[in-house]
């Protein structure tokens, strides 16, 4: 894309920002780079924690799981969730329903752009992939996709299955199981977004 438009921002939220959301951020970045090449700059992935271990590196077990998927933690450092982050994000994906409530308590106007990760995966897959979305570029079409996801909320019923459990303090195999849950939910969402690069916009 020449003259990149303002990027579509995805904010990933968990508690400490050293396991779940950290892994999701770096995994998502690697996936989009592989999928979109230079056009990956049209989507910005960030993460934060509701009670972050600020400045800490990714948890060693999460980093090991991440390596198993071909990505690296690199210079990752945990950040505390600030009120403006979710207000400014185009899409906020939380690891649990509790995190979603905490995000919305600080930024209630972000309701239509805030989902648990697993909720978003279900909603993205409920939508017709052939449906044309408003927007002249990937970021604007992705914003239209989020509106469609919010409108589809009534088509499903959430529950415990919407949560990605916290692996902190657990054995490596639990981190691996959590990694599988994140991959299984995050990649379908990012795939739908990446598909919008070459999509025909509505009205054309």
C-alpha atoms as a PDB file:
ATOM      1  CA  UNK A   1       0.000   0.000   0.000  1.00  0.00           C
ATOM      2  CA  UNK A   2       1.447   3.339  -0.959  1.00  0.00           C
ATOM      3  CA  UNK A   3       0.629   6.238   1.376  1.00  0.00           C
ATOM      4  CA  UNK A   4      -0.577   4.026   4.217  1.00  0.00           C
ATOM      5  CA  UNK A   5      -3.865   5.162   5.782  1.00  0.00           C
ATOM      6  CA  UNK A   6      -4.185   5.454   9.550  1.00  0.00           C
ATOM      7  CA  UNK A   7      -3.654   1.855  10.753  1.00  0.00           C
ATOM      8  CA  UNK A   8      -6.336  -0.369  12.210  1.00  0.00           C
ATOM      9  CA  UNK A   9      -5.397  -0.841  15.866  1.00  0.00           C
ATOM     10  CA  UNK A  10      -6.009  -4.062  17.788  1.00  0.00           C
ATOM     11  CA  UNK A  11      -5.521  -3.941  21.567  1.00  0.00           C
ATOM     12  CA  UNK A  12      -5.061  -7.258  23.399  1.00  0.00           C
ATOM     13  CA  UNK A  13      -5.704  -7.283  27.145  1.00  0.00           C
ATOM     14  CA  UNK A  14      -5.042  -9.728  29.978  1.00  0.00           C
ATOM     15  CA  UNK A  15      -3.988  -9.287  33.618  1.00  0.00           C
ATOM     16  CA  UNK A  16      -0.201  -9.054  33.848  1.00  0.00           C
ATOM     17  CA  UNK A  17       0.615  -8.571  30.144  1.00  0.00           C
ATOM     18  CA  UNK A  18       3.381 -11.138  30.365  1.00  0.00           C
ATOM     19  CA  UNK A  19       1.598 -14.332  29.234  1.00  0.00           C
ATOM     20  CA  UNK A  20      -1.657 -14.335  27.279  1.00  0.00           C
ATOM     21  CA  UNK A  21      -1.881 -10.879  25.713  1.00  0.00           C
ATOM     22  CA  UNK A  22       1.896 -10.728  25.263  1.00  0.00           C
ATOM     23  CA  UNK A  23       1.922 -14.012  23.352  1.00  0.00           C
ATOM     24  CA  UNK A  24      -1.094 -12.935  21.306  1.00  0.00           C
ATOM     25  CA  UNK A  25       0.511  -9.629  20.333  1.00  0.00           C
ATOM     26  CA  UNK A  26       3.777 -11.133  19.123  1.00  0.00           C
ATOM     27  CA  UNK A  27       2.088 -14.110  17.476  1.00  0.00           C
ATOM     28  CA  UNK A  28      -0.348 -11.805  15.695  1.00  0.00           C
ATOM     29  CA  UNK A  29       2.405  -9.539  14.456  1.00  0.00           C
ATOM     30  CA  UNK A  30       4.321 -12.505  13.048  1.00  0.00           C
ATOM     31  CA  UNK A  31       1.195 -13.879  11.368  1.00  0.00           C
ATOM     32  CA  UNK A  32       0.287 -10.569   9.727  1.00  0.00           C
ATOM     33  CA  UNK A  33       3.844  -9.997   8.519  1.00  0.00           C
ATOM     34  CA  UNK A  34       3.882 -13.440   6.904  1.00  0.00           C
ATOM     35  CA  UNK A  35       0.413 -12.968   5.453  1.00  0.00           C
ATOM     36  CA  UNK A  36       0.599  -9.343   4.296  1.00  0.00           C
ATOM     37  CA  UNK A  37       4.283  -8.484   3.979  1.00  0.00           C
ATOM     38  CA  UNK A  38       4.796  -4.723   3.922  1.00  0.00           C
ATOM     39  CA  UNK A  39       1.025  -4.223   4.062  1.00  0.00           C
ATOM     40  CA  UNK A  40       1.065  -5.556   7.638  1.00  0.00           C
ATOM     41  CA  UNK A  41       1.756  -1.949   8.642  1.00  0.00           C
ATOM     42  CA  UNK A  42      -1.950  -1.303   8.003  1.00  0.00           C
ATOM     43  CA  UNK A  43      -2.754  -3.258  11.189  1.00  0.00           C
ATOM     44  CA  UNK A  44      -1.136  -2.345  14.503  1.00  0.00           C
ATOM     45  CA  UNK A  45      -1.198  -4.860  17.356  1.00  0.00           C
ATOM     46  CA  UNK A  46      -0.652  -3.668  20.923  1.00  0.00           C
ATOM     47  CA  UNK A  47      -1.174  -5.260  24.325  1.00  0.00           C
ATOM     48  CA  UNK A  48      -1.568  -4.224  27.950  1.00  0.00           C
ATOM     49  CA  UNK A  49      -2.546  -5.619  31.337  1.00  0.00           C
ATOM     50  CA  UNK A  50      -5.202  -4.582  33.812  1.00  0.00           C
ATOM     51  CA  UNK A  51      -2.644  -5.180  36.582  1.00  0.00           C
ATOM     52  CA  UNK A  52       0.490  -5.313  34.497  1.00  0.00           C
ATOM     53  CA  UNK A  53       3.925  -6.336  35.673  1.00  0.00           C
ATOM     54  CA  UNK A  54       5.128  -3.114  34.070  1.00  0.00           C
ATOM     55  CA  UNK A  55       8.442  -3.334  32.255  1.00  0.00           C
ATOM     56  CA  UNK A  56       8.728  -7.115  32.591  1.00  0.00           C
ATOM     57  CA  UNK A  57       9.707  -9.354  29.718  1.00  0.00           C
ATOM     58  CA  UNK A  58       7.350 -12.033  28.453  1.00  0.00           C
ATOM     59  CA  UNK A  59       7.036 -14.987  30.823  1.00  0.00           C
ATOM     60  CA  UNK A  60       9.699 -17.577  29.864  1.00  0.00           C
ATOM     61  CA  UNK A  61       7.144 -20.347  29.334  1.00  0.00           C
ATOM     62  CA  UNK A  62       4.973 -18.143  27.125  1.00  0.00           C
ATOM     63  CA  UNK A  63       8.067 -17.133  25.173  1.00  0.00           C
ATOM     64  CA  UNK A  64       8.915 -20.810  24.698  1.00  0.00           C
ATOM     65  CA  UNK A  65       5.389 -21.549  23.462  1.00  0.00           C
ATOM     66  CA  UNK A  66       5.637 -18.569  21.124  1.00  0.00           C
ATOM     67  CA  UNK A  67       8.879 -19.937  19.659  1.00  0.00           C
ATOM     68  CA  UNK A  68       7.058 -23.161  18.915  1.00  0.00           C
ATOM     69  CA  UNK A  69       4.816 -21.164  16.587  1.00  0.00           C
ATOM     70  CA  UNK A  70       7.790 -19.590  14.835  1.00  0.00           C
ATOM     71  CA  UNK A  71       7.673 -16.183  16.527  1.00  0.00           C
ATOM     72  CA  UNK A  72       9.912 -14.445  19.056  1.00  0.00           C
ATOM     73  CA  UNK A  73       9.268 -12.390  22.185  1.00  0.00           C
ATOM     74  CA  UNK A  74      12.114 -10.056  21.226  1.00  0.00           C
ATOM     75  CA  UNK A  75      12.202  -6.854  23.258  1.00  0.00           C
ATOM     76  CA  UNK A  76       8.666  -7.209  24.610  1.00  0.00           C
ATOM     77  CA  UNK A  77       7.929  -5.275  27.814  1.00  0.00           C
ATOM     78  CA  UNK A  78       4.669  -5.343  29.755  1.00  0.00           C
ATOM     79  CA  UNK A  79       2.467  -2.234  29.845  1.00  0.00           C
ATOM     80  CA  UNK A  80      -0.326  -1.125  32.151  1.00  0.00           C
ATOM     81  CA  UNK A  81      -3.703  -0.602  30.516  1.00  0.00           C
ATOM     82  CA  UNK A  82      -4.433   3.126  30.414  1.00  0.00           C
ATOM     83  CA  UNK A  83      -7.912   4.576  29.998  1.00  0.00           C
ATOM     84  CA  UNK A  84      -7.179   6.028  26.578  1.00  0.00           C
ATOM     85  CA  UNK A  85      -5.906   2.787  25.062  1.00  0.00           C
ATOM     86  CA  UNK A  86      -9.254   1.045  24.655  1.00  0.00           C
ATOM     87  CA  UNK A  87     -10.972   4.313  23.788  1.00  0.00           C
ATOM     88  CA  UNK A  88      -8.548   4.794  20.897  1.00  0.00           C
ATOM     89  CA  UNK A  89      -8.344   1.168  19.706  1.00  0.00           C
ATOM     90  CA  UNK A  90     -10.408   0.049  16.722  1.00  0.00           C
ATOM     91  CA  UNK A  91     -10.783  -3.418  18.247  1.00  0.00           C
ATOM     92  CA  UNK A  92     -10.090  -4.513  21.823  1.00  0.00           C
ATOM     93  CA  UNK A  93      -9.758  -8.247  22.454  1.00  0.00           C
ATOM     94  CA  UNK A  94      -9.690  -9.363  26.085  1.00  0.00           C
ATOM     95  CA  UNK A  95      -8.697 -12.750  27.412  1.00  0.00           C
ATOM     96  CA  UNK A  96     -11.684 -13.064  29.768  1.00  0.00           C
ATOM     97  CA  UNK A  97     -15.111 -11.591  30.418  1.00  0.00           C
ATOM     98  CA  UNK A  98     -13.713  -9.996  33.599  1.00  0.00           C
ATOM     99  CA  UNK A  99     -11.097  -8.162  31.537  1.00  0.00           C
ATOM    100  CA  UNK A 100     -13.825  -7.047  29.150  1.00  0.00           C
ATOM    101  CA  UNK A 101     -15.790  -5.566  32.052  1.00  0.00           C
ATOM    102  CA  UNK A 102     -12.692  -3.789  33.343  1.00  0.00           C
ATOM    103  CA  UNK A 103     -12.002  -2.295  29.924  1.00  0.00           C
ATOM    104  CA  UNK A 104     -15.582  -1.101  29.554  1.00  0.00           C
ATOM    105  CA  UNK A 105     -15.670   0.338  33.058  1.00  0.00           C
ATOM    106  CA  UNK A 106     -12.864   2.666  31.987  1.00  0.00           C
ATOM    107  CA  UNK A 107     -14.098   3.231  28.415  1.00  0.00           C
ATOM    108  CA  UNK A 108     -17.853   2.517  28.172  1.00  0.00           C
ATOM    109  CA  UNK A 109     -18.061   4.068  24.720  1.00  0.00           C
ATOM    110  CA  UNK A 110     -15.832   1.259  23.434  1.00  0.00           C
ATOM    111  CA  UNK A 111     -18.604  -1.321  23.941  1.00  0.00           C
ATOM    112  CA  UNK A 112     -19.179  -1.929  20.223  1.00  0.00           C
ATOM    113  CA  UNK A 113     -15.436  -2.438  19.694  1.00  0.00           C
ATOM    114  CA  UNK A 114     -14.657  -4.635  22.712  1.00  0.00           C
ATOM    115  CA  UNK A 115     -14.960  -8.430  22.777  1.00  0.00           C
ATOM    116  CA  UNK A 116     -13.337 -11.371  24.446  1.00  0.00           C
ATOM    117  CA  UNK A 117     -10.897 -12.998  22.049  1.00  0.00           C
ATOM    118  CA  UNK A 118     -12.935 -16.186  21.751  1.00  0.00           C
ATOM    119  CA  UNK A 119     -16.175 -14.232  21.339  1.00  0.00           C
ATOM    120  CA  UNK A 120     -14.614 -12.267  18.479  1.00  0.00           C
ATOM    121  CA  UNK A 121     -13.440 -15.465  16.797  1.00  0.00           C
ATOM    122  CA  UNK A 122     -16.968 -16.877  16.849  1.00  0.00           C
ATOM    123  CA  UNK A 123     -18.497 -13.645  15.569  1.00  0.00           C
ATOM    124  CA  UNK A 124     -15.966 -13.254  12.765  1.00  0.00           C
ATOM    125  CA  UNK A 125     -16.754 -16.768  11.576  1.00  0.00           C
ATOM    126  CA  UNK A 126     -20.512 -16.187  11.755  1.00  0.00           C
ATOM    127  CA  UNK A 127     -20.275 -13.383   9.212  1.00  0.00           C
ATOM    128  CA  UNK A 128     -20.552 -14.076   5.490  1.00  0.00           C
ATOM    129  CA  UNK A 129     -16.997 -13.806   4.078  1.00  0.00           C
ATOM    130  CA  UNK A 130     -18.437 -12.761   0.716  1.00  0.00           C
ATOM    131  CA  UNK A 131     -20.204  -9.751   2.226  1.00  0.00           C
ATOM    132  CA  UNK A 132     -18.757  -6.494   0.903  1.00  0.00           C
ATOM    133  CA  UNK A 133     -17.786  -3.998   3.580  1.00  0.00           C
ATOM    134  CA  UNK A 134     -17.618  -0.225   3.416  1.00  0.00           C
ATOM    135  CA  UNK A 135     -14.167   1.293   3.057  1.00  0.00           C
ATOM    136  CA  UNK A 136     -11.570   2.112   0.448  1.00  0.00           C
ATOM    137  CA  UNK A 137      -8.669   0.359   2.205  1.00  0.00           C
ATOM    138  CA  UNK A 138      -7.912  -2.418   4.677  1.00  0.00           C
ATOM    139  CA  UNK A 139      -8.130  -0.295   7.865  1.00  0.00           C
ATOM    140  CA  UNK A 140     -11.479   1.245   6.968  1.00  0.00           C
ATOM    141  CA  UNK A 141     -12.927  -2.107   5.858  1.00  0.00           C
ATOM    142  CA  UNK A 142     -11.666  -3.666   9.106  1.00  0.00           C
ATOM    143  CA  UNK A 143     -13.537  -0.989  11.067  1.00  0.00           C
ATOM    144  CA  UNK A 144     -16.652  -1.921   9.116  1.00  0.00           C
ATOM    145  CA  UNK A 145     -16.025  -5.577  10.009  1.00  0.00           C
ATOM    146  CA  UNK A 146     -15.980  -4.694  13.714  1.00  0.00           C
ATOM    147  CA  UNK A 147     -19.363  -2.992  13.344  1.00  0.00           C
ATOM    148  CA  UNK A 148     -20.726  -6.152  11.716  1.00  0.00           C
ATOM    149  CA  UNK A 149     -19.314  -8.272  14.541  1.00  0.00           C
ATOM    150  CA  UNK A 150     -20.984  -6.070  17.148  1.00  0.00           C
ATOM    151  CA  UNK A 151     -24.296  -6.306  15.304  1.00  0.00           C
ATOM    152  CA  UNK A 152     -24.025 -10.115  15.280  1.00  0.00           C
ATOM    153  CA  UNK A 153     -23.668 -10.436  19.061  1.00  0.00           C
ATOM    154  CA  UNK A 154     -27.298 -11.470  19.455  1.00  0.00           C
ATOM    155  CA  UNK A 155     -26.608 -14.570  17.344  1.00  0.00           C
ATOM    156  CA  UNK A 156     -24.585 -16.271  20.066  1.00  0.00           C
ATOM    157  CA  UNK A 157     -24.659 -16.828  23.810  1.00  0.00           C
ATOM    158  CA  UNK A 158     -21.447 -16.352  25.744  1.00  0.00           C
ATOM    159  CA  UNK A 159     -20.300 -18.260  28.792  1.00  0.00           C
ATOM    160  CA  UNK A 160     -17.248 -19.807  30.409  1.00  0.00           C
ATOM    161  CA  UNK A 161     -16.002 -20.843  26.972  1.00  0.00           C
ATOM    162  CA  UNK A 162     -15.408 -17.167  26.182  1.00  0.00           C
ATOM    163  CA  UNK A 163     -12.462 -17.067  28.609  1.00  0.00           C
ATOM    164  CA  UNK A 164      -8.808 -17.929  28.009  1.00  0.00           C
ATOM    165  CA  UNK A 165      -7.507 -19.120  31.422  1.00  0.00           C
ATOM    166  CA  UNK A 166      -4.466 -17.600  33.088  1.00  0.00           C
ATOM    167  CA  UNK A 167      -1.446 -19.951  32.930  1.00  0.00           C
ATOM    168  CA  UNK A 168       0.688 -17.972  35.387  1.00  0.00           C
ATOM    169  CA  UNK A 169       2.212 -20.239  38.027  1.00  0.00           C
ATOM    170  CA  UNK A 170       1.185 -23.351  36.113  1.00  0.00           C
ATOM    171  CA  UNK A 171       3.382 -25.994  34.404  1.00  0.00           C
ATOM    172  CA  UNK A 172       4.619 -25.569  30.848  1.00  0.00           C
ATOM    173  CA  UNK A 173       1.932 -27.859  29.431  1.00  0.00           C
ATOM    174  CA  UNK A 174      -0.730 -25.421  30.686  1.00  0.00           C
ATOM    175  CA  UNK A 175       1.021 -22.577  28.874  1.00  0.00           C
ATOM    176  CA  UNK A 176       0.983 -24.778  25.773  1.00  0.00           C
ATOM    177  CA  UNK A 177      -2.754 -25.409  26.131  1.00  0.00           C
ATOM    178  CA  UNK A 178      -3.386 -21.687  26.558  1.00  0.00           C
ATOM    179  CA  UNK A 179      -1.246 -21.013  23.501  1.00  0.00           C
ATOM    180  CA  UNK A 180      -3.420 -23.398  21.493  1.00  0.00           C
ATOM    181  CA  UNK A 181      -6.562 -21.577  22.638  1.00  0.00           C
ATOM    182  CA  UNK A 182      -5.093 -18.218  21.652  1.00  0.00           C
ATOM    183  CA  UNK A 183      -3.941 -19.455  18.251  1.00  0.00           C
ATOM    184  CA  UNK A 184      -7.327 -21.051  17.616  1.00  0.00           C
ATOM    185  CA  UNK A 185      -9.147 -17.795  18.350  1.00  0.00           C
ATOM    186  CA  UNK A 186      -6.747 -15.056  17.246  1.00  0.00           C
ATOM    187  CA  UNK A 187      -5.762 -16.350  13.825  1.00  0.00           C
ATOM    188  CA  UNK A 188      -9.341 -16.619  12.488  1.00  0.00           C
ATOM    189  CA  UNK A 189      -9.930 -12.982  13.480  1.00  0.00           C
ATOM    190  CA  UNK A 190      -6.683 -11.782  11.928  1.00  0.00           C
ATOM    191  CA  UNK A 191      -7.307 -13.899   8.840  1.00  0.00           C
ATOM    192  CA  UNK A 192     -10.657 -12.167   8.289  1.00  0.00           C
ATOM    193  CA  UNK A 193      -8.936  -8.810   8.676  1.00  0.00           C
ATOM    194  CA  UNK A 194      -6.087  -9.752   6.329  1.00  0.00           C
ATOM    195  CA  UNK A 195      -8.579 -10.938   3.708  1.00  0.00           C
ATOM    196  CA  UNK A 196      -9.899  -7.372   3.539  1.00  0.00           C
ATOM    197  CA  UNK A 197      -6.734  -6.139   1.838  1.00  0.00           C
ATOM    198  CA  UNK A 198      -7.884  -7.471  -1.514  1.00  0.00           C
ATOM    199  CA  UNK A 199     -11.636  -7.347  -0.885  1.00  0.00           C
ATOM    200  CA  UNK A 200     -13.955  -5.425  -3.181  1.00  0.00           C
ATOM    201  CA  UNK A 201     -15.553  -2.602  -1.170  1.00  0.00           C
ATOM    202  CA  UNK A 202     -19.313  -2.217  -0.857  1.00  0.00           C
ATOM    203  CA  UNK A 203     -20.946  -0.310  -3.674  1.00  0.00           C
ATOM    204  CA  UNK A 204     -18.407  -1.390  -6.303  1.00  0.00           C
END
